[in-house]
Amino acid sequence: MKIVVDGMGGDNSPSEIVKGCIDFLNESQKEVHIYITGPEKKIKEELEKYPNNNNITIVDASEVISCNEPPAMAVRKKKDSSMVKALRMVRDGEADAIISAGSTGALLTGATLIIGRIKGIKRAALAPLMPGKNGPFMLLDVGANVDCKPENLTQFALMGKAYFESVMNVSNPKVGLVNIGTEEEKGNELAKESYKLLKEENINFHGNVEPRDMVSGDVHVVVADGFVGNSILKAIEGVSSLILGRLKDGIYSSLKTKIGGALLKPVFKKFKKDFDYREYGGTPFLGVKGVCIKAHGSSDAKAIKNAIKQSVLFYDKKVIDKIKAEFQNN
């Protein structure tokens, strides 16, 4: 497998990006070749810190797309940027997957314009896996499409179903629609019309799901427009961070609580790991014709390493072929 990594994407580029690539190659048993895009001199300086860099090729790119630039304009104008060059390699068949911790808007725009969407899909979606009480669940979309139509949410459900069946090995996964109540008549017009369409699809439609219930993990694929999905994602991140912070303050408040905290350290460690974005690596863009993983903007080497692992799994499980088949059958 050939993977291209945007060497200048994210807050910690290129040092953590390069280290993540090296760490993956040192740990993986897979035959993978990694291309890193970015200024050749900078990337080379980082690579020279590691002896085992034989399976890495530098692709020189003189420009960088920042998160402050208008995405569409940046993708069109900065043709020699590390992100655009990486996207073109996937489009041209020179790489099987792209990973970037750079601008989300630019990556989505570039993936859509340069790689292209799967035939029949109107919008690509950001689809992270989230930790649930009884197992992980997928929430999509979480920010790629702020304004959606009922048809878009229906397509998100079909893409999520294909991903869960192929990657998570869950047969006929349950699909739910984010809403303010479980009753069919609840919600705004988008929710009501989406409910009607989802009910008619050949999927295991569970109905409406309130945000407080989705974290059980009993519903595998939960769909929403990007505005709602992104708000839920950030609320979960904020609450988990608050809980961890409060626990830490409480544990260090006295000698007695420090002793109790030491006994419960394995529990706290697991809790932190479950909500650590670095463990998941990145978020797939579902709906484009190539494997496209968006890593967190503050990704370190561990996050990049796991994003590469995720792209390998995505590729090996033939998720794109499964999505194509799902849309041909509908």
C-alpha atoms as a PDB file:
ATOM      1  CA  MET A   1       0.000   0.000   0.000  1.00  0.00           C
ATOM      2  CA  LYS A   2       1.159   3.547  -0.788  1.00  0.00           C
ATOM      3  CA  ILE A   3       0.185   6.326   1.607  1.00  0.00           C
ATOM      4  CA  VAL A   4       0.826  10.043   1.184  1.00  0.00           C
ATOM      5  CA  VAL A   5       1.018  12.213   4.299  1.00  0.00           C
ATOM      6  CA  ASP A   6       0.728  15.996   4.234  1.00  0.00           C
ATOM      7  CA  GLY A   7       4.028  16.860   5.910  1.00  0.00           C
ATOM      8  CA  MET A   8       3.101  20.472   6.620  1.00  0.00           C
ATOM      9  CA  GLY A   9      -0.447  19.959   7.925  1.00  0.00           C
ATOM     10  CA  GLY A  10      -1.231  20.716  11.567  1.00  0.00           C
ATOM     11  CA  ASP A  11       0.294  22.593  14.482  1.00  0.00           C
ATOM     12  CA  ASN A  12       3.211  20.215  15.016  1.00  0.00           C
ATOM     13  CA  SER A  13       4.466  19.823  11.465  1.00  0.00           C
ATOM     14  CA  PRO A  14       6.780  18.635  10.163  1.00  0.00           C
ATOM     15  CA  SER A  15       8.555  17.099  13.201  1.00  0.00           C
ATOM     16  CA  GLU A  16       5.632  15.142  14.695  1.00  0.00           C
ATOM     17  CA  ILE A  17       4.332  14.190  11.254  1.00  0.00           C
ATOM     18  CA  VAL A  18       7.666  12.631  10.294  1.00  0.00           C
ATOM     19  CA  LYS A  19       8.045  10.907  13.671  1.00  0.00           C
ATOM     20  CA  GLY A  20       4.531   9.442  13.367  1.00  0.00           C
ATOM     21  CA  CYS A  21       5.419   7.987   9.958  1.00  0.00           C
ATOM     22  CA  ILE A  22       8.637   6.488  11.317  1.00  0.00           C
ATOM     23  CA  ASP A  23       6.855   5.037  14.369  1.00  0.00           C
ATOM     24  CA  PHE A  24       4.266   3.388  12.140  1.00  0.00           C
ATOM     25  CA  LEU A  25       6.897   1.783   9.911  1.00  0.00           C
ATOM     26  CA  ASN A  26       8.832   0.534  12.947  1.00  0.00           C
ATOM     27  CA  GLU A  27       5.747  -1.127  14.437  1.00  0.00           C
ATOM     28  CA  SER A  28       3.841  -2.309  11.371  1.00  0.00           C
ATOM     29  CA  GLN A  29       4.130  -5.724   9.753  1.00  0.00           C
ATOM     30  CA  LYS A  30       2.434  -4.421   6.603  1.00  0.00           C
ATOM     31  CA  GLU A  31       4.248  -3.633   3.382  1.00  0.00           C
ATOM     32  CA  VAL A  32       3.629   0.095   3.206  1.00  0.00           C
ATOM     33  CA  HIS A  33       5.497   2.879   1.446  1.00  0.00           C
ATOM     34  CA  ILE A  34       4.955   6.414   2.740  1.00  0.00           C
ATOM     35  CA  TYR A  35       5.300   9.641   0.783  1.00  0.00           C
ATOM     36  CA  ILE A  36       5.648  12.885   2.751  1.00  0.00           C
ATOM     37  CA  THR A  37       4.867  16.143   0.979  1.00  0.00           C
ATOM     38  CA  GLY A  38       6.491  19.422   1.963  1.00  0.00           C
ATOM     39  CA  PRO A  39       9.660  21.504   1.509  1.00  0.00           C
ATOM     40  CA  GLU A  40      12.318  18.905   0.725  1.00  0.00           C
ATOM     41  CA  LYS A  41      14.994  20.485   2.923  1.00  0.00           C
ATOM     42  CA  LYS A  42      12.757  20.667   6.010  1.00  0.00           C
ATOM     43  CA  ILE A  43      11.414  17.124   5.654  1.00  0.00           C
ATOM     44  CA  LYS A  44      14.885  15.742   4.954  1.00  0.00           C
ATOM     45  CA  GLU A  45      16.276  17.366   8.124  1.00  0.00           C
ATOM     46  CA  GLU A  46      13.598  15.627  10.182  1.00  0.00           C
ATOM     47  CA  LEU A  47      14.057  12.267   8.442  1.00  0.00           C
ATOM     48  CA  GLU A  48      17.801  12.290   9.067  1.00  0.00           C
ATOM     49  CA  LYS A  49      17.083  12.023  12.807  1.00  0.00           C
ATOM     50  CA  TYR A  50      15.930   8.438  12.269  1.00  0.00           C
ATOM     51  CA  PRO A  51      18.047   5.571  10.890  1.00  0.00           C
ATOM     52  CA  ASN A  52      15.140   3.500   9.548  1.00  0.00           C
ATOM     53  CA  ASN A  53      13.637   5.722   6.854  1.00  0.00           C
ATOM     54  CA  ASN A  54      14.031   3.491   3.788  1.00  0.00           C
ATOM     55  CA  ASN A  55      10.298   3.220   3.073  1.00  0.00           C
ATOM     56  CA  ILE A  56       9.747   6.972   2.977  1.00  0.00           C
ATOM     57  CA  THR A  57       9.978   9.221  -0.069  1.00  0.00           C
ATOM     58  CA  ILE A  58       9.911  13.018   0.079  1.00  0.00           C
ATOM     59  CA  VAL A  59       7.701  14.824  -2.439  1.00  0.00           C
ATOM     60  CA  ASP A  60       8.873  18.441  -2.648  1.00  0.00           C
ATOM     61  CA  ALA A  61       6.153  21.040  -2.163  1.00  0.00           C
ATOM     62  CA  SER A  62       7.005  24.708  -1.703  1.00  0.00           C
ATOM     63  CA  GLU A  63       3.656  26.025  -0.395  1.00  0.00           C
ATOM     64  CA  VAL A  64       1.518  25.473   2.704  1.00  0.00           C
ATOM     65  CA  ILE A  65      -2.232  25.982   3.107  1.00  0.00           C
ATOM     66  CA  SER A  66      -3.022  27.564   6.479  1.00  0.00           C
ATOM     67  CA  CYS A  67      -6.266  27.224   8.424  1.00  0.00           C
ATOM     68  CA  ASN A  68      -6.922  30.972   8.034  1.00  0.00           C
ATOM     69  CA  GLU A  69      -7.248  30.892   4.246  1.00  0.00           C
ATOM     70  CA  PRO A  70     -10.517  30.501   2.326  1.00  0.00           C
ATOM     71  CA  PRO A  71     -10.441  26.747   1.501  1.00  0.00           C
ATOM     72  CA  ALA A  72     -11.612  26.806  -2.115  1.00  0.00           C
ATOM     73  CA  MET A  73      -9.343  29.697  -3.083  1.00  0.00           C
ATOM     74  CA  ALA A  74      -6.335  28.157  -1.342  1.00  0.00           C
ATOM     75  CA  VAL A  75      -6.797  24.798  -3.081  1.00  0.00           C
ATOM     76  CA  ARG A  76      -7.116  26.471  -6.488  1.00  0.00           C
ATOM     77  CA  LYS A  77      -4.239  28.938  -6.077  1.00  0.00           C
ATOM     78  CA  LYS A  78      -1.679  26.922  -4.119  1.00  0.00           C
ATOM     79  CA  LYS A  79      -1.093  24.130  -6.590  1.00  0.00           C
ATOM     80  CA  ASP A  80       2.380  23.472  -5.155  1.00  0.00           C
ATOM     81  CA  SER A  81       1.129  23.142  -1.567  1.00  0.00           C
ATOM     82  CA  SER A  82       1.822  20.015   0.482  1.00  0.00           C
ATOM     83  CA  MET A  83      -1.909  19.226   0.692  1.00  0.00           C
ATOM     84  CA  VAL A  84      -2.763  19.716  -2.988  1.00  0.00           C
ATOM     85  CA  LYS A  85       0.223  17.666  -4.125  1.00  0.00           C
ATOM     86  CA  ALA A  86      -0.847  14.862  -1.785  1.00  0.00           C
ATOM     87  CA  LEU A  87      -4.433  14.973  -3.086  1.00  0.00           C
ATOM     88  CA  ARG A  88      -3.210  14.812  -6.692  1.00  0.00           C
ATOM     89  CA  MET A  89      -1.138  11.726  -5.921  1.00  0.00           C
ATOM     90  CA  VAL A  90      -4.315   9.918  -4.784  1.00  0.00           C
ATOM     91  CA  ARG A  91      -6.225  11.167  -7.827  1.00  0.00           C
ATOM     92  CA  ASP A  92      -3.473   9.989 -10.190  1.00  0.00           C
ATOM     93  CA  GLY A  93      -3.158   6.564  -8.563  1.00  0.00           C
ATOM     94  CA  GLU A  94       0.317   7.267  -7.176  1.00  0.00           C
ATOM     95  CA  ALA A  95      -0.997   6.775  -3.619  1.00  0.00           C
ATOM     96  CA  ASP A  96      -3.878   4.772  -2.150  1.00  0.00           C
ATOM     97  CA  ALA A  97      -4.619   7.100   0.768  1.00  0.00           C
ATOM     98  CA  ILE A  98      -4.033  10.624   2.020  1.00  0.00           C
ATOM     99  CA  ILE A  99      -3.632  11.765   5.632  1.00  0.00           C
ATOM    100  CA  SER A 100      -3.575  15.419   6.637  1.00  0.00           C
ATOM    101  CA  ALA A 101      -3.782  17.335   9.910  1.00  0.00           C
ATOM    102  CA  GLY A 102      -4.182  20.576   7.964  1.00  0.00           C
ATOM    103  CA  SER A 103      -7.210  22.748   7.248  1.00  0.00           C
ATOM    104  CA  THR A 104     -10.422  20.691   7.381  1.00  0.00           C
ATOM    105  CA  GLY A 105     -12.158  22.956   4.866  1.00  0.00           C
ATOM    106  CA  ALA A 106      -9.284  22.799   2.409  1.00  0.00           C
ATOM    107  CA  LEU A 107      -8.999  19.016   2.702  1.00  0.00           C
ATOM    108  CA  LEU A 108     -12.728  18.542   2.113  1.00  0.00           C
ATOM    109  CA  THR A 109     -12.712  20.984  -0.805  1.00  0.00           C
ATOM    110  CA  GLY A 110      -9.609  19.381  -2.288  1.00  0.00           C
ATOM    111  CA  ALA A 111     -10.865  15.836  -1.791  1.00  0.00           C
ATOM    112  CA  THR A 112     -14.111  16.760  -3.546  1.00  0.00           C
ATOM    113  CA  LEU A 113     -12.606  18.809  -6.398  1.00  0.00           C
ATOM    114  CA  ILE A 114      -9.373  16.889  -7.008  1.00  0.00           C
ATOM    115  CA  ILE A 115     -10.102  13.262  -6.018  1.00  0.00           C
ATOM    116  CA  GLY A 116     -13.844  13.510  -6.661  1.00  0.00           C
ATOM    117  CA  ARG A 117     -16.949  12.026  -5.043  1.00  0.00           C
ATOM    118  CA  ILE A 118     -18.222   8.498  -5.520  1.00  0.00           C
ATOM    119  CA  LYS A 119     -20.885   8.417  -8.219  1.00  0.00           C
ATOM    120  CA  GLY A 120     -24.324   9.187  -6.787  1.00  0.00           C
ATOM    121  CA  ILE A 121     -23.085  10.839  -3.591  1.00  0.00           C
ATOM    122  CA  LYS A 122     -24.020  14.512  -3.285  1.00  0.00           C
ATOM    123  CA  ARG A 123     -21.922  15.386  -0.211  1.00  0.00           C
ATOM    124  CA  ALA A 124     -18.895  13.808   1.473  1.00  0.00           C
ATOM    125  CA  ALA A 125     -19.105  13.594   5.265  1.00  0.00           C
ATOM    126  CA  LEU A 126     -16.739  13.669   8.220  1.00  0.00           C
ATOM    127  CA  ALA A 127     -17.446  10.493  10.177  1.00  0.00           C
ATOM    128  CA  PRO A 128     -15.573   9.938  13.461  1.00  0.00           C
ATOM    129  CA  LEU A 129     -15.929   6.858  15.629  1.00  0.00           C
ATOM    130  CA  MET A 130     -16.943   7.793  19.169  1.00  0.00           C
ATOM    131  CA  PRO A 131     -16.620   5.790  22.408  1.00  0.00           C
ATOM    132  CA  GLY A 132     -19.956   4.465  23.688  1.00  0.00           C
ATOM    133  CA  LYS A 133     -20.871   2.568  26.842  1.00  0.00           C
ATOM    134  CA  ASN A 134     -21.697  -0.648  24.961  1.00  0.00           C
ATOM    135  CA  GLY A 135     -19.362  -0.119  22.023  1.00  0.00           C
ATOM    136  CA  PRO A 136     -18.267   2.599  19.591  1.00  0.00           C
ATOM    137  CA  PHE A 137     -20.680   4.495  17.395  1.00  0.00           C
ATOM    138  CA  MET A 138     -20.203   6.652  14.310  1.00  0.00           C
ATOM    139  CA  LEU A 139     -21.496  10.224  14.183  1.00  0.00           C
ATOM    140  CA  LEU A 140     -21.805  11.867  10.769  1.00  0.00           C
ATOM    141  CA  ASP A 141     -21.593  14.575   9.656  1.00  0.00           C
ATOM    142  CA  VAL A 142     -19.519  16.550  12.193  1.00  0.00           C
ATOM    143  CA  GLY A 143     -18.762  19.721  10.282  1.00  0.00           C
ATOM    144  CA  ALA A 144     -18.190  19.166   6.585  1.00  0.00           C
ATOM    145  CA  ASN A 145     -21.761  20.192   5.669  1.00  0.00           C
ATOM    146  CA  VAL A 146     -23.351  22.833   7.893  1.00  0.00           C
ATOM    147  CA  ASP A 147     -26.515  23.041   5.786  1.00  0.00           C
ATOM    148  CA  CYS A 148     -28.036  19.745   4.662  1.00  0.00           C
ATOM    149  CA  LYS A 149     -31.078  18.385   2.891  1.00  0.00           C
ATOM    150  CA  PRO A 150     -32.928  15.205   3.900  1.00  0.00           C
ATOM    151  CA  GLU A 151     -31.343  13.384   0.938  1.00  0.00           C
ATOM    152  CA  ASN A 152     -27.870  14.173   2.326  1.00  0.00           C
ATOM    153  CA  LEU A 153     -28.664  12.676   5.731  1.00  0.00           C
ATOM    154  CA  THR A 154     -30.028   9.561   4.042  1.00  0.00           C
ATOM    155  CA  GLN A 155     -26.793   9.178   2.085  1.00  0.00           C
ATOM    156  CA  PHE A 156     -24.773   9.672   5.280  1.00  0.00           C
ATOM    157  CA  ALA A 157     -26.704   6.782   6.800  1.00  0.00           C
ATOM    158  CA  LEU A 158     -25.906   4.491   3.866  1.00  0.00           C
ATOM    159  CA  MET A 159     -22.200   5.393   3.967  1.00  0.00           C
ATOM    160  CA  GLY A 160     -22.050   4.870   7.725  1.00  0.00           C
ATOM    161  CA  LYS A 161     -23.773   1.507   7.349  1.00  0.00           C
ATOM    162  CA  ALA A 162     -21.193   0.394   4.753  1.00  0.00           C
ATOM    163  CA  TYR A 163     -18.304   1.495   6.990  1.00  0.00           C
ATOM    164  CA  PHE A 164     -19.667  -0.230  10.089  1.00  0.00           C
ATOM    165  CA  GLU A 165     -20.333  -3.480   8.246  1.00  0.00           C
ATOM    166  CA  SER A 166     -16.886  -3.618   6.620  1.00  0.00           C
ATOM    167  CA  VAL A 167     -14.552  -2.118   9.244  1.00  0.00           C
ATOM    168  CA  MET A 168     -16.392  -2.874  12.498  1.00  0.00           C
ATOM    169  CA  ASN A 169     -17.756  -6.244  11.302  1.00  0.00           C
ATOM    170  CA  VAL A 170     -21.278  -5.431  12.523  1.00  0.00           C
ATOM    171  CA  SER A 171     -23.976  -7.060  10.420  1.00  0.00           C
ATOM    172  CA  ASN A 172     -26.998  -4.847   9.695  1.00  0.00           C
ATOM    173  CA  PRO A 173     -25.951  -2.006  12.061  1.00  0.00           C
ATOM    174  CA  LYS A 174     -28.624   0.138  13.712  1.00  0.00           C
ATOM    175  CA  VAL A 175     -29.007   3.614  12.231  1.00  0.00           C
ATOM    176  CA  GLY A 176     -30.438   6.567  14.154  1.00  0.00           C
ATOM    177  CA  LEU A 177     -31.291  10.210  13.496  1.00  0.00           C
ATOM    178  CA  VAL A 178     -30.256  12.917  15.980  1.00  0.00           C
ATOM    179  CA  ASN A 179     -33.326  14.698  17.331  1.00  0.00           C
ATOM    180  CA  ILE A 180     -34.662  16.488  20.414  1.00  0.00           C
ATOM    181  CA  GLY A 181     -37.068  13.631  21.123  1.00  0.00           C
ATOM    182  CA  THR A 182     -37.698  10.045  20.089  1.00  0.00           C
ATOM    183  CA  GLU A 183     -41.190  10.594  18.646  1.00  0.00           C
ATOM    184  CA  GLU A 184     -41.479  10.642  14.851  1.00  0.00           C
ATOM    185  CA  GLU A 185     -43.178  14.043  14.766  1.00  0.00           C
ATOM    186  CA  LYS A 186     -40.435  15.776  16.807  1.00  0.00           C
ATOM    187  CA  GLY A 187     -37.841  18.198  15.477  1.00  0.00           C
ATOM    188  CA  ASN A 188     -37.461  20.736  12.691  1.00  0.00           C
ATOM    189  CA  GLU A 189     -38.425  20.218   9.055  1.00  0.00           C
ATOM    190  CA  LEU A 190     -35.054  18.671   8.200  1.00  0.00           C
ATOM    191  CA  ALA A 191     -35.461  16.059  10.938  1.00  0.00           C
ATOM    192  CA  LYS A 192     -39.061  15.256  10.019  1.00  0.00           C
ATOM    193  CA  GLU A 193     -38.376  14.879   6.304  1.00  0.00           C
ATOM    194  CA  SER A 194     -35.170  12.910   6.942  1.00  0.00           C
ATOM    195  CA  TYR A 195     -37.101  10.525   9.202  1.00  0.00           C
ATOM    196  CA  LYS A 196     -39.536   9.781   6.362  1.00  0.00           C
ATOM    197  CA  LEU A 197     -36.731   9.021   3.904  1.00  0.00           C
ATOM    198  CA  LEU A 198     -34.714   6.920   6.347  1.00  0.00           C
ATOM    199  CA  LYS A 199     -37.793   4.854   7.196  1.00  0.00           C
ATOM    200  CA  GLU A 200     -38.137   3.938   3.511  1.00  0.00           C
ATOM    201  CA  GLU A 201     -34.482   2.891   3.050  1.00  0.00           C
ATOM    202  CA  ASN A 202     -33.268  -0.689   3.187  1.00  0.00           C
ATOM    203  CA  ILE A 203     -31.502  -0.137   6.505  1.00  0.00           C
ATOM    204  CA  ASN A 204     -32.015  -1.085  10.129  1.00  0.00           C
ATOM    205  CA  PHE A 205     -33.526   2.302  11.062  1.00  0.00           C
ATOM    206  CA  HIS A 206     -33.848   2.699  14.820  1.00  0.00           C
ATOM    207  CA  GLY A 207     -35.642   6.064  14.665  1.00  0.00           C
ATOM    208  CA  ASN A 208     -34.821   9.291  16.466  1.00  0.00           C
ATOM    209  CA  VAL A 209     -31.998   9.344  19.014  1.00  0.00           C
ATOM    210  CA  GLU A 210     -31.503  12.050  21.625  1.00  0.00           C
ATOM    211  CA  PRO A 211     -27.857  13.143  22.108  1.00  0.00           C
ATOM    212  CA  ARG A 212     -27.859  11.919  25.723  1.00  0.00           C
ATOM    213  CA  ASP A 213     -28.771   8.403  24.532  1.00  0.00           C
ATOM    214  CA  MET A 214     -26.379   8.086  21.603  1.00  0.00           C
ATOM    215  CA  VAL A 215     -23.405   7.641  23.968  1.00  0.00           C
ATOM    216  CA  SER A 216     -24.769   4.237  24.997  1.00  0.00           C
ATOM    217  CA  GLY A 217     -23.437   2.888  21.702  1.00  0.00           C
ATOM    218  CA  ASP A 218     -26.598   0.839  21.189  1.00  0.00           C
ATOM    219  CA  VAL A 219     -27.190   2.654  17.883  1.00  0.00           C
ATOM    220  CA  HIS A 220     -24.155   2.164  15.654  1.00  0.00           C
ATOM    221  CA  VAL A 221     -24.570   4.941  13.073  1.00  0.00           C
ATOM    222  CA  VAL A 222     -26.037   8.310  14.094  1.00  0.00           C
ATOM    223  CA  VAL A 223     -26.701  10.932  11.413  1.00  0.00           C
ATOM    224  CA  ALA A 224     -27.051  14.699  11.682  1.00  0.00           C
ATOM    225  CA  ASP A 225     -26.287  17.819   9.687  1.00  0.00           C
ATOM    226  CA  GLY A 226     -22.759  19.150  10.144  1.00  0.00           C
ATOM    227  CA  PHE A 227     -23.789  22.015  12.426  1.00  0.00           C
ATOM    228  CA  VAL A 228     -25.529  19.746  14.923  1.00  0.00           C
ATOM    229  CA  GLY A 229     -22.943  16.972  14.634  1.00  0.00           C
ATOM    230  CA  ASN A 230     -20.017  19.321  15.220  1.00  0.00           C
ATOM    231  CA  SER A 231     -21.771  20.888  18.220  1.00  0.00           C
ATOM    232  CA  ILE A 232     -22.328  17.428  19.754  1.00  0.00           C
ATOM    233  CA  LEU A 233     -18.712  16.428  19.098  1.00  0.00           C
ATOM    234  CA  LYS A 234     -17.329  19.550  20.783  1.00  0.00           C
ATOM    235  CA  ALA A 235     -19.743  19.230  23.707  1.00  0.00           C
ATOM    236  CA  ILE A 236     -18.563  15.649  24.317  1.00  0.00           C
ATOM    237  CA  GLU A 237     -14.915  16.766  24.114  1.00  0.00           C
ATOM    238  CA  GLY A 238     -15.581  19.602  26.553  1.00  0.00           C
ATOM    239  CA  VAL A 239     -17.475  17.483  29.085  1.00  0.00           C
ATOM    240  CA  SER A 240     -14.876  14.683  29.051  1.00  0.00           C
ATOM    241  CA  SER A 241     -12.098  17.253  29.543  1.00  0.00           C
ATOM    242  CA  LEU A 242     -14.019  18.855  32.411  1.00  0.00           C
ATOM    243  CA  ILE A 243     -14.589  15.511  34.155  1.00  0.00           C
ATOM    244  CA  LEU A 244     -10.924  14.527  33.841  1.00  0.00           C
ATOM    245  CA  GLY A 245      -9.820  17.921  35.152  1.00  0.00           C
ATOM    246  CA  ARG A 246     -12.187  17.800  38.127  1.00  0.00           C
ATOM    247  CA  LEU A 247     -11.095  14.249  39.006  1.00  0.00           C
ATOM    248  CA  LYS A 248      -7.447  15.242  38.843  1.00  0.00           C
ATOM    249  CA  ASP A 249      -8.030  18.271  41.116  1.00  0.00           C
ATOM    250  CA  GLY A 250      -9.974  16.114  43.568  1.00  0.00           C
ATOM    251  CA  ILE A 251      -7.352  13.369  43.672  1.00  0.00           C
ATOM    252  CA  TYR A 252      -4.506  15.788  44.412  1.00  0.00           C
ATOM    253  CA  SER A 253      -6.448  17.696  47.082  1.00  0.00           C
ATOM    254  CA  SER A 254      -5.254  15.573  50.054  1.00  0.00           C
ATOM    255  CA  LEU A 255      -3.044  12.646  51.008  1.00  0.00           C
ATOM    256  CA  LYS A 256      -6.079  10.397  51.468  1.00  0.00           C
ATOM    257  CA  THR A 257      -7.459  11.123  47.989  1.00  0.00           C
ATOM    258  CA  LYS A 258      -3.989  10.679  46.470  1.00  0.00           C
ATOM    259  CA  ILE A 259      -3.841   7.159  47.919  1.00  0.00           C
ATOM    260  CA  GLY A 260      -7.351   6.419  46.624  1.00  0.00           C
ATOM    261  CA  GLY A 261      -6.420   7.863  43.252  1.00  0.00           C
ATOM    262  CA  ALA A 262      -3.368   5.619  43.045  1.00  0.00           C
ATOM    263  CA  LEU A 263      -5.588   2.571  43.585  1.00  0.00           C
ATOM    264  CA  LEU A 264      -7.962   3.738  40.843  1.00  0.00           C
ATOM    265  CA  LYS A 265      -5.225   4.732  38.407  1.00  0.00           C
ATOM    266  CA  PRO A 266      -5.981   1.894  35.913  1.00  0.00           C
ATOM    267  CA  VAL A 267      -9.637   3.016  35.751  1.00  0.00           C
ATOM    268  CA  PHE A 268      -8.707   6.645  35.117  1.00  0.00           C
ATOM    269  CA  LYS A 269      -6.102   5.608  32.556  1.00  0.00           C
ATOM    270  CA  LYS A 270      -8.676   3.637  30.566  1.00  0.00           C
ATOM    271  CA  PHE A 271     -11.181   6.499  30.770  1.00  0.00           C
ATOM    272  CA  LYS A 272      -8.608   8.947  29.444  1.00  0.00           C
ATOM    273  CA  LYS A 273      -7.614   6.566  26.654  1.00  0.00           C
ATOM    274  CA  ASP A 274     -11.235   6.116  25.552  1.00  0.00           C
ATOM    275  CA  PHE A 275     -11.618   9.863  25.035  1.00  0.00           C
ATOM    276  CA  ASP A 276      -8.167  10.545  23.615  1.00  0.00           C
ATOM    277  CA  TYR A 277      -8.471  11.532  19.942  1.00  0.00           C
ATOM    278  CA  ARG A 278      -4.907  10.285  19.370  1.00  0.00           C
ATOM    279  CA  GLU A 279      -6.059   6.693  19.892  1.00  0.00           C
ATOM    280  CA  TYR A 280      -8.429   6.991  16.908  1.00  0.00           C
ATOM    281  CA  GLY A 281      -5.871   8.721  14.719  1.00  0.00           C
ATOM    282  CA  GLY A 282      -8.242  10.675  12.560  1.00  0.00           C
ATOM    283  CA  THR A 283     -11.648  11.003  10.996  1.00  0.00           C
ATOM    284  CA  PRO A 284     -12.437   9.499   7.593  1.00  0.00           C
ATOM    285  CA  PHE A 285     -14.083  11.512   4.843  1.00  0.00           C
ATOM    286  CA  LEU A 286     -16.771   9.176   3.545  1.00  0.00           C
ATOM    287  CA  GLY A 287     -18.002   9.689   0.015  1.00  0.00           C
ATOM    288  CA  VAL A 288     -14.813  10.492  -1.907  1.00  0.00           C
ATOM    289  CA  LYS A 289     -13.192   8.105  -4.372  1.00  0.00           C
ATOM    290  CA  GLY A 290      -9.967   7.717  -2.394  1.00  0.00           C
ATOM    291  CA  VAL A 291      -9.090   6.909   1.213  1.00  0.00           C
ATOM    292  CA  CYS A 292      -8.978  10.292   2.948  1.00  0.00           C
ATOM    293  CA  ILE A 293      -8.247  10.664   6.684  1.00  0.00           C
ATOM    294  CA  LYS A 294      -8.425  14.013   8.489  1.00  0.00           C
ATOM    295  CA  ALA A 295      -6.155  14.048  11.541  1.00  0.00           C
ATOM    296  CA  HIS A 296      -6.668  16.507  14.398  1.00  0.00           C
ATOM    297  CA  GLY A 297      -4.925  19.858  13.916  1.00  0.00           C
ATOM    298  CA  SER A 298      -2.857  19.364  17.078  1.00  0.00           C
ATOM    299  CA  SER A 299      -1.893  15.776  16.232  1.00  0.00           C
ATOM    300  CA  ASP A 300       1.366  14.474  17.631  1.00  0.00           C
ATOM    301  CA  ALA A 301       3.361  11.469  16.408  1.00  0.00           C
ATOM    302  CA  LYS A 302       1.037   8.995  18.153  1.00  0.00           C
ATOM    303  CA  ALA A 303      -2.033  10.457  16.431  1.00  0.00           C
ATOM    304  CA  ILE A 304      -0.348  10.397  13.014  1.00  0.00           C
ATOM    305  CA  LYS A 305       0.801   6.805  13.536  1.00  0.00           C
ATOM    306  CA  ASN A 306      -2.766   5.757  14.373  1.00  0.00           C
ATOM    307  CA  ALA A 307      -4.178   7.751  11.453  1.00  0.00           C
ATOM    308  CA  ILE A 308      -1.914   5.742   9.142  1.00  0.00           C
ATOM    309  CA  LYS A 309      -3.137   2.525  10.796  1.00  0.00           C
ATOM    310  CA  GLN A 310      -6.700   3.667  10.198  1.00  0.00           C
ATOM    311  CA  SER A 311      -6.031   4.331   6.517  1.00  0.00           C
ATOM    312  CA  VAL A 312      -4.562   0.822   6.133  1.00  0.00           C
ATOM    313  CA  LEU A 313      -7.657  -0.713   7.723  1.00  0.00           C
ATOM    314  CA  PHE A 314      -9.924   1.436   5.523  1.00  0.00           C
ATOM    315  CA  TYR A 315      -7.995   0.259   2.439  1.00  0.00           C
ATOM    316  CA  ASP A 316      -7.793  -3.418   3.434  1.00  0.00           C
ATOM    317  CA  LYS A 317     -11.509  -3.602   4.206  1.00  0.00           C
ATOM    318  CA  LYS A 318     -12.346  -2.090   0.787  1.00  0.00           C
ATOM    319  CA  VAL A 319     -14.690   0.484   2.326  1.00  0.00           C
ATOM    320  CA  ILE A 320     -14.933   2.540  -0.865  1.00  0.00           C
ATOM    321  CA  ASP A 321     -16.033  -0.513  -2.841  1.00  0.00           C
ATOM    322  CA  LYS A 322     -18.628  -1.280  -0.136  1.00  0.00           C
ATOM    323  CA  ILE A 323     -19.997   2.265  -0.313  1.00  0.00           C
ATOM    324  CA  LYS A 324     -20.173   2.086  -4.109  1.00  0.00           C
ATOM    325  CA  ALA A 325     -22.067  -1.203  -3.852  1.00  0.00           C
ATOM    326  CA  GLU A 326     -24.445   0.281  -1.283  1.00  0.00           C
ATOM    327  CA  PHE A 327     -25.395   3.081  -3.672  1.00  0.00           C
ATOM    328  CA  GLN A 328     -25.716   0.775  -6.664  1.00  0.00           C
ATOM    329  CA  ASN A 329     -28.186  -1.317  -4.682  1.00  0.00           C
ATOM    330  CA  ASN A 330     -30.347   1.684  -3.807  1.00  0.00           C
END
